[in-house]
Amino acid sequence: MIKKALALFAVLFLFSGPAAAGFDGYVEVTNNTGYDIYYLYVSHAKSKSWEEDVLDDDILPDGHTVRVNLSGAKSSIFDIRAKDEDGDTYTVWEIDVARDDVVFTLDDMD
């Protein structure tokens, strides 16, 4: 009986630990649009608005990749939007950044 209780506790601990702590990780965003990206927004998929520009004063040149660190999110599902030098936007919705990174191309233009 004690062995079964300990085994059940171990299983519950393994499955409840990360969910309770939230998602800590990163996403790599690659710009293959042919244009420089001036703004990059990464917001939790349940958010009603875009978060602040993660590039700040930097730009993401065509052909380059940036790593965006994420911590304390409820899950690893995010919406990601980029805005290029011409004001065109590129958006991916509900991407699981724990499994996938983002490569923006002209096919992703809104």
C-alpha atoms as a PDB file:
ATOM      1  CA  MET A   1       0.000   0.000   0.000  1.00  0.00           C
ATOM      2  CA  ILE A   2       2.808   2.437   0.891  1.00  0.00           C
ATOM      3  CA  LYS A   3       4.615   1.640  -2.365  1.00  0.00           C
ATOM      4  CA  LYS A   4       1.477   2.442  -4.372  1.00  0.00           C
ATOM      5  CA  ALA A   5       1.002   5.714  -2.492  1.00  0.00           C
ATOM      6  CA  LEU A   6       4.631   6.701  -3.084  1.00  0.00           C
ATOM      7  CA  ALA A   7       4.371   5.818  -6.770  1.00  0.00           C
ATOM      8  CA  LEU A   8       1.184   7.878  -7.115  1.00  0.00           C
ATOM      9  CA  PHE A   9       2.845  10.809  -5.322  1.00  0.00           C
ATOM     10  CA  ALA A  10       5.869  10.595  -7.643  1.00  0.00           C
ATOM     11  CA  VAL A  11       3.662  10.636 -10.745  1.00  0.00           C
ATOM     12  CA  LEU A  12       1.618  13.574  -9.453  1.00  0.00           C
ATOM     13  CA  PHE A  13       4.793  15.466  -8.556  1.00  0.00           C
ATOM     14  CA  LEU A  14       6.290  14.948 -12.001  1.00  0.00           C
ATOM     15  CA  PHE A  15       3.166  16.153 -13.802  1.00  0.00           C
ATOM     16  CA  SER A  16       2.321  19.053 -11.513  1.00  0.00           C
ATOM     17  CA  GLY A  17       5.790  20.600 -11.074  1.00  0.00           C
ATOM     18  CA  PRO A  18       6.329  22.330 -14.437  1.00  0.00           C
ATOM     19  CA  ALA A  19       2.700  23.355 -14.821  1.00  0.00           C
ATOM     20  CA  ALA A  20       2.676  25.018 -11.437  1.00  0.00           C
ATOM     21  CA  ALA A  21       5.965  26.796 -12.097  1.00  0.00           C
ATOM     22  CA  GLY A  22       4.978  28.081 -15.539  1.00  0.00           C
ATOM     23  CA  PHE A  23       6.950  28.084 -18.767  1.00  0.00           C
ATOM     24  CA  ASP A  24      10.559  29.243 -18.749  1.00  0.00           C
ATOM     25  CA  GLY A  25      12.343  29.025 -22.067  1.00  0.00           C
ATOM     26  CA  TYR A  26      12.964  30.894 -25.288  1.00  0.00           C
ATOM     27  CA  VAL A  27      11.991  31.118 -28.910  1.00  0.00           C
ATOM     28  CA  GLU A  28      14.340  31.823 -31.786  1.00  0.00           C
ATOM     29  CA  VAL A  29      12.879  34.058 -34.493  1.00  0.00           C
ATOM     30  CA  THR A  30      14.544  34.079 -37.917  1.00  0.00           C
ATOM     31  CA  ASN A  31      13.878  36.800 -40.478  1.00  0.00           C
ATOM     32  CA  ASN A  32      13.764  35.427 -44.032  1.00  0.00           C
ATOM     33  CA  THR A  33      11.372  38.051 -45.416  1.00  0.00           C
ATOM     34  CA  GLY A  34      13.826  39.966 -47.572  1.00  0.00           C
ATOM     35  CA  TYR A  35      13.284  43.058 -45.381  1.00  0.00           C
ATOM     36  CA  ASP A  36      14.633  44.243 -42.040  1.00  0.00           C
ATOM     37  CA  ILE A  37      12.278  43.765 -39.092  1.00  0.00           C
ATOM     38  CA  TYR A  38      11.958  46.814 -36.855  1.00  0.00           C
ATOM     39  CA  TYR A  39       9.391  45.556 -34.336  1.00  0.00           C
ATOM     40  CA  LEU A  40       8.883  42.114 -32.818  1.00  0.00           C
ATOM     41  CA  TYR A  41       6.051  41.288 -30.435  1.00  0.00           C
ATOM     42  CA  VAL A  42       5.761  38.046 -28.473  1.00  0.00           C
ATOM     43  CA  SER A  43       2.564  37.687 -26.454  1.00  0.00           C
ATOM     44  CA  HIS A  44       1.008  34.781 -24.639  1.00  0.00           C
ATOM     45  CA  ALA A  45      -1.719  33.318 -26.836  1.00  0.00           C
ATOM     46  CA  LYS A  46      -4.413  34.191 -24.277  1.00  0.00           C
ATOM     47  CA  SER A  47      -3.348  37.858 -24.123  1.00  0.00           C
ATOM     48  CA  LYS A  48      -5.791  40.417 -25.492  1.00  0.00           C
ATOM     49  CA  SER A  49      -3.020  42.768 -26.648  1.00  0.00           C
ATOM     50  CA  TRP A  50       0.539  42.670 -27.929  1.00  0.00           C
ATOM     51  CA  GLU A  51       3.329  43.011 -25.375  1.00  0.00           C
ATOM     52  CA  GLU A  52       6.159  45.520 -25.753  1.00  0.00           C
ATOM     53  CA  ASP A  53       8.529  45.370 -28.723  1.00  0.00           C
ATOM     54  CA  VAL A  54      11.247  42.882 -27.730  1.00  0.00           C
ATOM     55  CA  LEU A  55      13.736  44.397 -30.190  1.00  0.00           C
ATOM     56  CA  ASP A  56      13.601  47.762 -28.392  1.00  0.00           C
ATOM     57  CA  ASP A  57      15.994  49.991 -30.410  1.00  0.00           C
ATOM     58  CA  ASP A  58      17.522  47.095 -32.366  1.00  0.00           C
ATOM     59  CA  ILE A  59      16.476  45.706 -35.728  1.00  0.00           C
ATOM     60  CA  LEU A  60      16.426  42.126 -36.984  1.00  0.00           C
ATOM     61  CA  PRO A  61      18.142  42.186 -40.390  1.00  0.00           C
ATOM     62  CA  ASP A  62      17.030  39.841 -43.142  1.00  0.00           C
ATOM     63  CA  GLY A  63      18.751  36.471 -42.772  1.00  0.00           C
ATOM     64  CA  HIS A  64      19.418  36.891 -39.043  1.00  0.00           C
ATOM     65  CA  THR A  65      18.006  35.209 -35.934  1.00  0.00           C
ATOM     66  CA  VAL A  66      17.197  36.591 -32.489  1.00  0.00           C
ATOM     67  CA  ARG A  67      16.575  34.603 -29.297  1.00  0.00           C
ATOM     68  CA  VAL A  68      13.715  35.872 -27.145  1.00  0.00           C
ATOM     69  CA  ASN A  69      13.804  34.663 -23.540  1.00  0.00           C
ATOM     70  CA  LEU A  70      10.430  33.917 -21.985  1.00  0.00           C
ATOM     71  CA  SER A  71       9.740  33.251 -18.324  1.00  0.00           C
ATOM     72  CA  GLY A  72       6.823  32.838 -15.989  1.00  0.00           C
ATOM     73  CA  ALA A  73       4.212  32.288 -18.706  1.00  0.00           C
ATOM     74  CA  LYS A  74       1.253  30.045 -17.970  1.00  0.00           C
ATOM     75  CA  SER A  75       2.076  27.884 -20.987  1.00  0.00           C
ATOM     76  CA  SER A  76       4.419  27.718 -23.960  1.00  0.00           C
ATOM     77  CA  ILE A  77       1.768  28.786 -26.492  1.00  0.00           C
ATOM     78  CA  PHE A  78       2.436  32.257 -27.934  1.00  0.00           C
ATOM     79  CA  ASP A  79       1.423  34.597 -30.740  1.00  0.00           C
ATOM     80  CA  ILE A  80       4.338  36.312 -32.500  1.00  0.00           C
ATOM     81  CA  ARG A  81       4.171  39.342 -34.780  1.00  0.00           C
ATOM     82  CA  ALA A  82       6.932  41.094 -36.711  1.00  0.00           C
ATOM     83  CA  LYS A  83       6.716  44.450 -38.476  1.00  0.00           C
ATOM     84  CA  ASP A  84       9.175  45.275 -41.248  1.00  0.00           C
ATOM     85  CA  GLU A  85      10.706  48.498 -42.535  1.00  0.00           C
ATOM     86  CA  ASP A  86       7.715  49.099 -44.858  1.00  0.00           C
ATOM     87  CA  GLY A  87       5.159  48.583 -42.077  1.00  0.00           C
ATOM     88  CA  ASP A  88       4.093  45.130 -43.307  1.00  0.00           C
ATOM     89  CA  THR A  89       3.256  42.655 -40.547  1.00  0.00           C
ATOM     90  CA  TYR A  90       3.900  38.926 -40.297  1.00  0.00           C
ATOM     91  CA  THR A  91       2.066  36.907 -37.673  1.00  0.00           C
ATOM     92  CA  VAL A  92       2.078  33.346 -36.386  1.00  0.00           C
ATOM     93  CA  TRP A  93      -0.721  32.386 -34.025  1.00  0.00           C
ATOM     94  CA  GLU A  94      -0.678  29.889 -31.163  1.00  0.00           C
ATOM     95  CA  ILE A  95       2.778  28.450 -31.730  1.00  0.00           C
ATOM     96  CA  ASP A  96       4.183  26.110 -29.091  1.00  0.00           C
ATOM     97  CA  VAL A  97       7.605  27.667 -28.551  1.00  0.00           C
ATOM     98  CA  ALA A  98       8.677  24.717 -26.410  1.00  0.00           C
ATOM     99  CA  ARG A  99       8.663  22.655 -29.616  1.00  0.00           C
ATOM    100  CA  ASP A 100       9.047  25.101 -32.502  1.00  0.00           C
ATOM    101  CA  ASP A 101      10.980  28.202 -33.437  1.00  0.00           C
ATOM    102  CA  VAL A 102       9.721  30.808 -35.909  1.00  0.00           C
ATOM    103  CA  VAL A 103      11.019  31.568 -39.404  1.00  0.00           C
ATOM    104  CA  PHE A 104       9.214  34.520 -40.969  1.00  0.00           C
ATOM    105  CA  THR A 105       8.986  34.514 -44.764  1.00  0.00           C
ATOM    106  CA  LEU A 106       6.865  36.496 -47.215  1.00  0.00           C
ATOM    107  CA  ASP A 107       4.283  33.689 -46.959  1.00  0.00           C
ATOM    108  CA  ASP A 108       3.582  34.823 -43.370  1.00  0.00           C
ATOM    109  CA  MET A 109       2.647  38.381 -44.381  1.00  0.00           C
ATOM    110  CA  ASP A 110      -0.753  39.447 -43.021  1.00  0.00           C
END
